């Protein structure tokens, strides 16, 4: 098939770009011709909470990426839509994560779609956003009209999609982020980060936003039981929130010696050091749909503690590859301590490998292709 993917890609950085690039590589490996239509302007700078939207890493080899979409220019949407239409794609795949993109994507798809020839499949991260704004519902309703089928990576999101439309919608788990380098030893990872490999190290990874609950984890680190156990926390990810909130907890709870902050953006080639240095990955989210961090942890074969929100517990079986906690400091602390109890996770490595098999890209693309066949 001739396939267009509409969404973030190099030189944009982050999980959205990584997902689309890995999806394109998988589809090409399966014999399809793939073009990614990415953004010349994804967000105006005043709307972007991080330091920069762009990476200085080299572009992925062999991918055809066109950086042409301006998210705030309606004339551009019409032009890009016409450009895609002229290519006569069999399938257009669009990633939807934020209603802000609804007008741009909806207009492009209306112009790009050739009736009875081009099908449109949407991969939905969130159809109801974590942080709500006026116009969300109207923008999403506008977007979904030209879409033929939806694929979600969380059962909760699947339910949300069905409140908007009766079009075909399917669930399949988020596939592995397996494009990172291979792990190194804990010793090497800790040496790279200049932390003590002899200590118990846990990891919070990813952009720091309120809904991800880093503040809950910091309060858990202040639990006397955690302090007595000698557990330390690695925080690896850029602030998309006010850093003062987290620094206040660290200062108030006297956590300066046990919390290691790495709050710049983590380049892809350095991700392995953070996961390799950690015994356990913790996702203390207040609310969630699915999380790509889970699939990075599976790639590096790391056990996890997740909170019982959204789809997190669906992919981290409690007592098998980690533990599920409630989104409060006491429960999170208890789950971390349970992990360090001898024998608390019998057959851990075998269980991780067994779960990891479920999240192949081939499984994901099979569901995606079946969705547009309906």
Protein backbone atom coordinates (compact mmCIF):
# COMPACT_ATOMS: atom_id res chain seq x y z
CA UNK A 1 0.00 0.00 0.00
CA UNK A 2 0.92 3.65 -0.43
CA UNK A 3 0.63 5.16 3.06
CA UNK A 4 0.85 8.68 4.49
CA UNK A 5 1.39 9.27 8.21
CA UNK A 6 0.31 12.70 9.46
CA UNK A 7 2.00 13.74 12.70
CA UNK A 8 5.21 14.66 14.49
CA UNK A 9 8.59 13.45 13.22
CA UNK A 10 12.23 14.58 13.05
CA UNK A 11 13.46 17.25 13.66
CA UNK A 12 10.71 17.42 16.29
CA UNK A 13 11.54 15.46 19.42
CA UNK A 14 9.69 13.40 22.00
CA UNK A 15 7.43 10.36 22.17
CA UNK A 16 5.04 11.39 19.39
CA UNK A 17 7.87 11.69 16.88
CA UNK A 18 9.50 8.48 18.09
CA UNK A 19 6.20 6.60 17.70
CA UNK A 20 5.50 7.83 14.17
CA UNK A 21 9.03 7.12 13.01
CA UNK A 22 8.98 3.60 14.46
CA UNK A 23 5.54 2.95 12.92
CA UNK A 24 6.82 4.11 9.51
CA UNK A 25 9.82 1.80 9.79
CA UNK A 26 7.57 -1.16 10.65
CA UNK A 27 5.20 -0.49 7.75
CA UNK A 28 8.13 -0.17 5.35
CA UNK A 29 9.55 -3.44 6.62
CA UNK A 30 6.17 -5.01 5.82
CA UNK A 31 6.52 -3.83 2.22
CA UNK A 32 4.50 -0.60 2.17
CA UNK A 33 5.57 2.75 0.73
CA UNK A 34 5.42 5.34 3.52
CA UNK A 35 5.69 9.14 3.72
CA UNK A 36 5.44 11.10 6.99
CA UNK A 37 3.89 14.57 6.77
CA UNK A 38 5.22 16.39 9.82
CA UNK A 39 5.16 19.96 11.10
CA UNK A 40 7.04 23.02 9.95
CA UNK A 41 5.30 24.58 12.99
CA UNK A 42 3.82 22.22 15.57
CA UNK A 43 3.13 24.68 18.40
CA UNK A 44 3.64 28.43 18.58
CA UNK A 45 6.45 28.98 21.10
CA UNK A 46 4.14 30.64 23.64
CA UNK A 47 2.05 27.44 23.78
CA UNK A 48 5.01 25.08 24.17
CA UNK A 49 5.87 24.38 27.84
CA UNK A 50 9.40 23.00 27.30
CA UNK A 51 12.70 24.56 26.30
CA UNK A 52 12.70 23.57 22.64
CA UNK A 53 10.56 21.50 20.29
CA UNK A 54 13.53 20.34 18.23
CA UNK A 55 16.27 17.75 18.51
CA UNK A 56 19.85 18.12 17.33
CA UNK A 57 20.12 14.36 16.78
CA UNK A 58 20.56 13.03 13.25
CA UNK A 59 17.47 12.27 11.19
CA UNK A 60 16.43 8.60 11.10
CA UNK A 61 17.83 6.85 8.09
CA UNK A 62 15.63 5.69 5.21
CA UNK A 63 12.46 7.58 6.31
CA UNK A 64 10.75 10.01 3.93
CA UNK A 65 9.74 12.96 6.15
CA UNK A 66 8.14 16.11 4.76
CA UNK A 67 8.10 19.00 7.27
CA UNK A 68 5.19 20.96 5.79
CA UNK A 69 2.26 21.33 8.23
CA UNK A 70 1.68 24.65 10.01
CA UNK A 71 -0.75 23.97 12.86
CA UNK A 72 -2.13 27.54 12.97
CA UNK A 73 -2.34 28.53 9.28
CA UNK A 74 -5.61 27.50 7.55
CA UNK A 75 -4.20 28.32 4.09
CA UNK A 76 -1.39 25.87 4.78
CA UNK A 77 -3.91 23.17 5.77
CA UNK A 78 -5.62 23.46 2.40
CA UNK A 79 -2.31 23.41 0.55
CA UNK A 80 -1.00 20.35 2.42
CA UNK A 81 -4.33 18.57 2.01
CA UNK A 82 -4.21 19.15 -1.74
CA UNK A 83 -0.60 17.95 -1.86
CA UNK A 84 -1.50 14.72 -0.07
CA UNK A 85 -4.58 14.25 -2.28
CA UNK A 86 -2.45 14.51 -5.43
CA UNK A 87 -0.32 11.57 -4.22
CA UNK A 88 -3.37 9.25 -4.21
CA UNK A 89 -2.52 7.40 -1.01
CA UNK A 90 -4.34 4.16 -0.22
CA UNK A 91 -4.20 4.89 3.51
CA UNK A 92 -3.69 7.96 5.66
CA UNK A 93 -2.76 7.35 9.30
CA UNK A 94 -3.08 10.27 11.70
CA UNK A 95 -2.05 10.40 15.35
CA UNK A 96 -4.47 12.38 17.55
CA UNK A 97 -3.42 13.51 21.00
CA UNK A 98 -4.70 17.05 21.50
CA UNK A 99 -7.86 18.91 20.38
CA UNK A 100 -5.66 21.88 19.41
CA UNK A 101 -4.70 19.83 16.34
CA UNK A 102 -8.34 19.12 15.40
CA UNK A 103 -8.87 22.06 13.00
CA UNK A 104 -5.58 21.50 11.14
CA UNK A 105 -5.92 17.73 10.87
CA UNK A 106 -9.64 17.84 10.12
CA UNK A 107 -9.15 20.31 7.26
CA UNK A 108 -6.15 18.45 5.80
CA UNK A 109 -8.03 15.15 5.86
CA UNK A 110 -11.13 16.62 4.21
CA UNK A 111 -9.00 17.94 1.36
CA UNK A 112 -6.66 14.91 1.18
CA UNK A 113 -9.19 12.11 1.20
CA UNK A 114 -10.09 10.70 -2.19
CA UNK A 115 -13.54 9.15 -1.99
CA UNK A 116 -13.70 5.36 -2.38
CA UNK A 117 -9.92 5.17 -2.67
CA UNK A 118 -8.19 6.69 0.35
CA UNK A 119 -9.04 5.35 3.81
CA UNK A 120 -8.22 7.26 6.99
CA UNK A 121 -7.22 5.55 10.24
CA UNK A 122 -6.67 7.48 13.46
CA UNK A 123 -4.41 6.28 16.26
CA UNK A 124 -5.83 7.95 19.37
CA UNK A 125 -3.60 8.79 22.32
CA UNK A 126 -6.28 10.92 23.97
CA UNK A 127 -9.61 12.08 22.62
CA UNK A 128 -10.42 13.81 25.93
CA UNK A 129 -7.25 15.72 26.91
CA UNK A 130 -5.51 15.58 30.30
CA UNK A 131 -5.70 19.38 30.59
CA UNK A 132 -9.07 20.67 29.33
CA UNK A 133 -9.54 23.93 27.41
CA UNK A 134 -12.50 25.75 25.81
CA UNK A 135 -13.28 24.40 22.35
CA UNK A 136 -11.93 20.88 22.96
CA UNK A 137 -15.15 19.06 22.08
CA UNK A 138 -15.90 21.16 18.99
CA UNK A 139 -12.35 20.72 17.64
CA UNK A 140 -12.49 16.95 18.17
CA UNK A 141 -15.90 16.62 16.54
CA UNK A 142 -14.59 18.52 13.52
CA UNK A 143 -11.55 16.24 13.33
CA UNK A 144 -13.33 12.88 13.50
CA UNK A 145 -15.74 13.42 10.60
CA UNK A 146 -13.34 12.37 7.77
CA UNK A 147 -11.85 9.48 9.79
CA UNK A 148 -12.97 5.95 8.83
CA UNK A 149 -11.70 3.97 11.83
CA UNK A 150 -9.95 4.44 15.15
CA UNK A 151 -7.31 2.46 17.05
CA UNK A 152 -6.69 3.17 20.74
CA UNK A 153 -3.95 1.94 23.05
CA UNK A 154 -6.07 2.08 26.18
CA UNK A 155 -9.49 0.59 26.90
CA UNK A 156 -10.48 3.81 28.67
CA UNK A 157 -9.70 5.81 25.52
CA UNK A 158 -11.72 3.30 23.48
CA UNK A 159 -14.71 4.07 25.70
CA UNK A 160 -14.09 7.79 25.24
CA UNK A 161 -13.96 7.44 21.45
CA UNK A 162 -17.33 5.68 21.49
CA UNK A 163 -18.88 8.71 23.19
CA UNK A 164 -17.95 10.76 20.11
CA UNK A 165 -18.66 8.39 17.22
CA UNK A 166 -20.12 5.03 16.15
CA UNK A 167 -17.39 4.46 13.57
CA UNK A 168 -15.24 1.30 13.93
CA UNK A 169 -12.88 1.55 16.90
CA UNK A 170 -10.43 -1.04 18.24
CA UNK A 171 -8.06 -1.46 21.15
CA UNK A 172 -4.53 -2.82 20.94
CA UNK A 173 -1.76 -2.11 23.48
CA UNK A 174 0.96 0.45 22.89
CA UNK A 175 3.84 -1.36 21.18
CA UNK A 176 7.40 -1.41 22.50
CA UNK A 177 9.70 1.56 22.15
CA UNK A 178 12.47 -0.73 20.94
CA UNK A 179 14.51 1.77 18.94
CA UNK A 180 16.75 2.71 21.87
CA UNK A 181 20.21 1.25 22.35
CA UNK A 182 20.75 -1.92 24.34
CA UNK A 183 21.01 -1.66 28.16
CA UNK A 184 24.28 -1.44 30.04
CA UNK A 185 25.05 -2.72 33.55
CA UNK A 186 23.71 -0.90 36.60
CA UNK A 187 27.30 -0.04 37.47
CA UNK A 188 27.93 1.60 34.09
CA UNK A 189 24.59 3.41 34.15
CA UNK A 190 25.23 4.83 37.61
CA UNK A 191 28.79 5.83 36.73
CA UNK A 192 27.46 7.73 33.71
CA UNK A 193 25.00 9.58 35.96
CA UNK A 194 27.52 9.97 38.80
CA UNK A 195 25.32 8.24 41.37
CA UNK A 196 25.97 5.33 43.74
CA UNK A 197 25.38 1.91 42.16
CA UNK A 198 25.44 0.30 45.62
CA UNK A 199 22.23 2.13 46.55
CA UNK A 200 18.66 1.13 45.68
CA UNK A 201 17.76 3.37 42.73
CA UNK A 202 14.27 3.96 41.32
CA UNK A 203 13.41 5.99 38.21
CA UNK A 204 10.81 8.59 37.22
CA UNK A 205 11.21 9.19 33.48
CA UNK A 206 9.56 11.58 31.02
CA UNK A 207 8.23 15.11 30.71
CA UNK A 208 7.21 16.47 34.10
CA UNK A 209 3.56 17.57 34.18
CA UNK A 210 1.18 17.69 37.13
CA UNK A 211 -0.95 14.75 35.98
CA UNK A 212 2.15 12.52 36.02
CA UNK A 213 2.33 12.82 39.80
CA UNK A 214 6.03 13.44 40.45
CA UNK A 215 4.97 15.41 43.54
CA UNK A 216 3.23 12.29 44.86
CA UNK A 217 6.41 10.29 44.35
CA UNK A 218 8.53 12.92 46.08
CA UNK A 219 6.18 12.82 49.08
CA UNK A 220 6.51 9.01 49.00
CA UNK A 221 10.29 9.44 49.13
CA UNK A 222 9.80 11.33 52.40
CA UNK A 223 8.11 8.27 53.95
CA UNK A 224 10.26 7.16 56.88
CA UNK A 225 10.16 3.56 55.64
CA UNK A 226 11.64 4.62 52.28
CA UNK A 227 14.37 6.60 54.03
CA UNK A 228 15.22 3.68 56.31
CA UNK A 229 15.45 1.36 53.28
CA UNK A 230 18.07 3.63 51.66
CA UNK A 231 16.10 4.12 48.45
CA UNK A 232 17.11 6.92 46.07
CA UNK A 233 15.17 8.47 43.17
CA UNK A 234 16.39 9.40 39.71
CA UNK A 235 14.20 12.06 38.05
CA UNK A 236 14.94 12.18 34.32
CA UNK A 237 12.89 14.52 32.17
CA UNK A 238 12.24 18.13 31.31
CA UNK A 239 9.89 20.32 33.36
CA UNK A 240 6.67 21.09 31.50
CA UNK A 241 5.42 22.48 34.81
CA UNK A 242 6.63 24.95 37.41
CA UNK A 243 9.82 23.47 38.87
CA UNK A 244 9.27 25.42 42.11
CA UNK A 245 6.46 23.03 43.13
CA UNK A 246 8.84 20.07 43.11
CA UNK A 247 11.84 21.92 44.51
CA UNK A 248 9.71 23.03 47.47
CA UNK A 249 8.89 19.40 48.35
CA UNK A 250 12.54 18.36 48.01
CA UNK A 251 13.60 21.21 50.30
CA UNK A 252 10.77 20.80 52.82
CA UNK A 253 11.25 17.05 53.10
CA UNK A 254 15.07 17.30 53.07
CA UNK A 255 15.43 15.02 50.04
CA UNK A 256 18.42 16.74 48.44
CA UNK A 257 20.75 13.79 49.05
CA UNK A 258 18.35 11.08 47.84
CA UNK A 259 16.72 12.69 44.78
CA UNK A 260 18.91 13.03 41.68
CA UNK A 261 17.56 15.58 39.20
CA UNK A 262 18.31 15.34 35.48
CA UNK A 263 15.76 17.83 34.19
CA UNK A 264 17.00 18.58 30.71
CA UNK A 265 15.58 16.73 27.73
CA UNK A 266 17.11 13.22 27.58
CA UNK A 267 18.54 12.44 24.09
CA UNK A 268 17.65 9.04 22.66
CA UNK A 269 21.21 7.74 22.86
CA UNK A 270 21.36 8.45 26.61
CA UNK A 271 18.01 6.91 27.63
CA UNK A 272 19.60 3.53 28.29
CA UNK A 273 21.82 4.89 31.08
CA UNK A 274 18.83 6.05 33.15
CA UNK A 275 16.90 2.79 32.80
CA UNK A 276 20.02 0.69 33.34
CA UNK A 277 20.90 2.59 36.53
CA UNK A 278 17.47 1.89 38.04
CA UNK A 279 16.15 -1.21 39.77
CA UNK A 280 12.53 -0.11 39.29
CA UNK A 281 10.56 2.34 37.11
CA UNK A 282 7.78 4.25 38.91
CA UNK A 283 4.82 5.92 37.17
CA UNK A 284 2.89 7.73 39.94
CA UNK A 285 0.28 9.27 37.62
CA UNK A 286 -2.83 11.03 38.94
CA UNK A 287 -4.64 10.08 35.74
CA UNK A 288 -3.54 8.54 32.47
CA UNK A 289 -4.61 6.82 29.29
CA UNK A 290 -1.62 4.74 28.29
CA UNK A 291 2.06 5.53 28.72
CA UNK A 292 4.97 5.10 26.35
CA UNK A 293 7.23 4.99 29.43
CA UNK A 294 5.82 1.54 30.21
CA UNK A 295 6.94 0.32 26.80
CA UNK A 296 10.43 1.77 27.23
CA UNK A 297 10.62 -0.07 30.58
CA UNK A 298 9.60 -3.32 28.85
CA UNK A 299 12.27 -2.73 26.20
CA UNK A 300 14.89 -2.49 28.97
CA UNK A 301 13.17 -5.33 30.88
CA UNK A 302 12.63 -3.30 34.03
CA UNK A 303 9.93 -3.99 36.66
CA UNK A 304 7.46 -1.20 37.36
CA UNK A 305 5.22 0.40 39.95
CA UNK A 306 2.24 2.14 38.37
CA UNK A 307 -0.85 3.76 39.77
CA UNK A 308 -4.30 2.32 39.20
CA UNK A 309 -5.41 4.95 36.70
CA UNK A 310 -6.30 4.78 33.00
CA UNK A 311 -4.75 1.88 31.16
CA UNK A 312 -1.57 1.53 33.23
CA UNK A 313 -2.71 -1.48 35.26
CA UNK A 314 -3.80 -3.23 32.03
CA UNK A 315 -0.18 -3.62 30.92
CA UNK A 316 1.58 -4.03 34.29
CA UNK A 317 0.05 -7.12 35.93
CA UNK A 318 0.13 -6.65 39.70
CA UNK A 319 2.47 -9.09 41.44
CA UNK A 320 3.89 -10.35 38.13
CA UNK A 321 6.08 -7.64 36.55
CA UNK A 322 5.60 -5.06 39.27
CA UNK A 323 2.93 -3.59 41.51
CA UNK A 324 -0.14 -1.40 41.13
CA UNK A 325 -0.62 1.35 43.72
CA UNK A 326 -3.25 3.97 44.37
CA UNK A 327 -2.33 7.54 43.38
CA UNK A 328 -1.28 8.71 46.84
CA UNK A 329 2.15 8.86 48.55
CA UNK A 330 1.45 6.15 51.14
CA UNK A 331 0.32 3.56 48.60
CA UNK A 332 3.15 4.41 46.20
CA UNK A 333 5.70 4.10 49.01
CA UNK A 334 4.20 0.76 50.05
CA UNK A 335 4.45 -0.64 46.51
CA UNK A 336 8.10 0.47 46.19
CA UNK A 337 8.96 -1.15 49.51
CA UNK A 338 7.13 -4.32 48.48
CA UNK A 339 9.29 -4.56 45.37
CA UNK A 340 12.43 -4.68 47.53
CA UNK A 341 11.06 -7.48 49.73
CA UNK A 342 12.82 -10.77 48.88
CA UNK A 343 10.61 -13.04 46.78
CA UNK A 344 7.88 -10.45 46.23
CA UNK A 345 8.02 -10.95 42.46
CA UNK A 346 8.81 -14.63 41.81
CA UNK A 347 10.00 -15.46 38.28
CA UNK A 348 10.30 -11.73 37.55
CA UNK A 349 12.56 -11.96 34.51
CA UNK A 350 10.53 -14.72 32.88
CA UNK A 351 7.33 -12.76 33.53
CA UNK A 352 8.73 -9.59 31.95
CA UNK A 353 9.83 -11.49 28.85
CA UNK A 354 6.40 -13.13 28.62
CA UNK A 355 4.58 -9.78 28.86
CA UNK A 356 7.02 -8.12 26.47
CA UNK A 357 6.00 -10.51 23.67
CA UNK A 358 2.48 -9.01 23.64
CA UNK A 359 3.69 -5.62 22.49
CA UNK A 360 5.21 -6.22 19.07
CA UNK A 361 4.83 -3.68 16.28
CA UNK A 362 3.62 -6.45 13.96
CA UNK A 363 0.66 -7.06 16.30
CA UNK A 364 -0.10 -3.34 16.35
CA UNK A 365 -0.01 -2.90 12.55
CA UNK A 366 -2.19 -5.99 12.08
CA UNK A 367 -4.95 -4.43 14.19
CA UNK A 368 -4.48 -1.13 12.37
CA UNK A 369 -4.87 -2.74 8.94
CA UNK A 370 -7.86 -4.79 10.06
CA UNK A 371 -9.53 -1.61 11.33
CA UNK A 372 -9.52 0.04 7.92
CA UNK A 373 -10.75 -3.17 6.29
CA UNK A 374 -14.14 -2.79 7.96
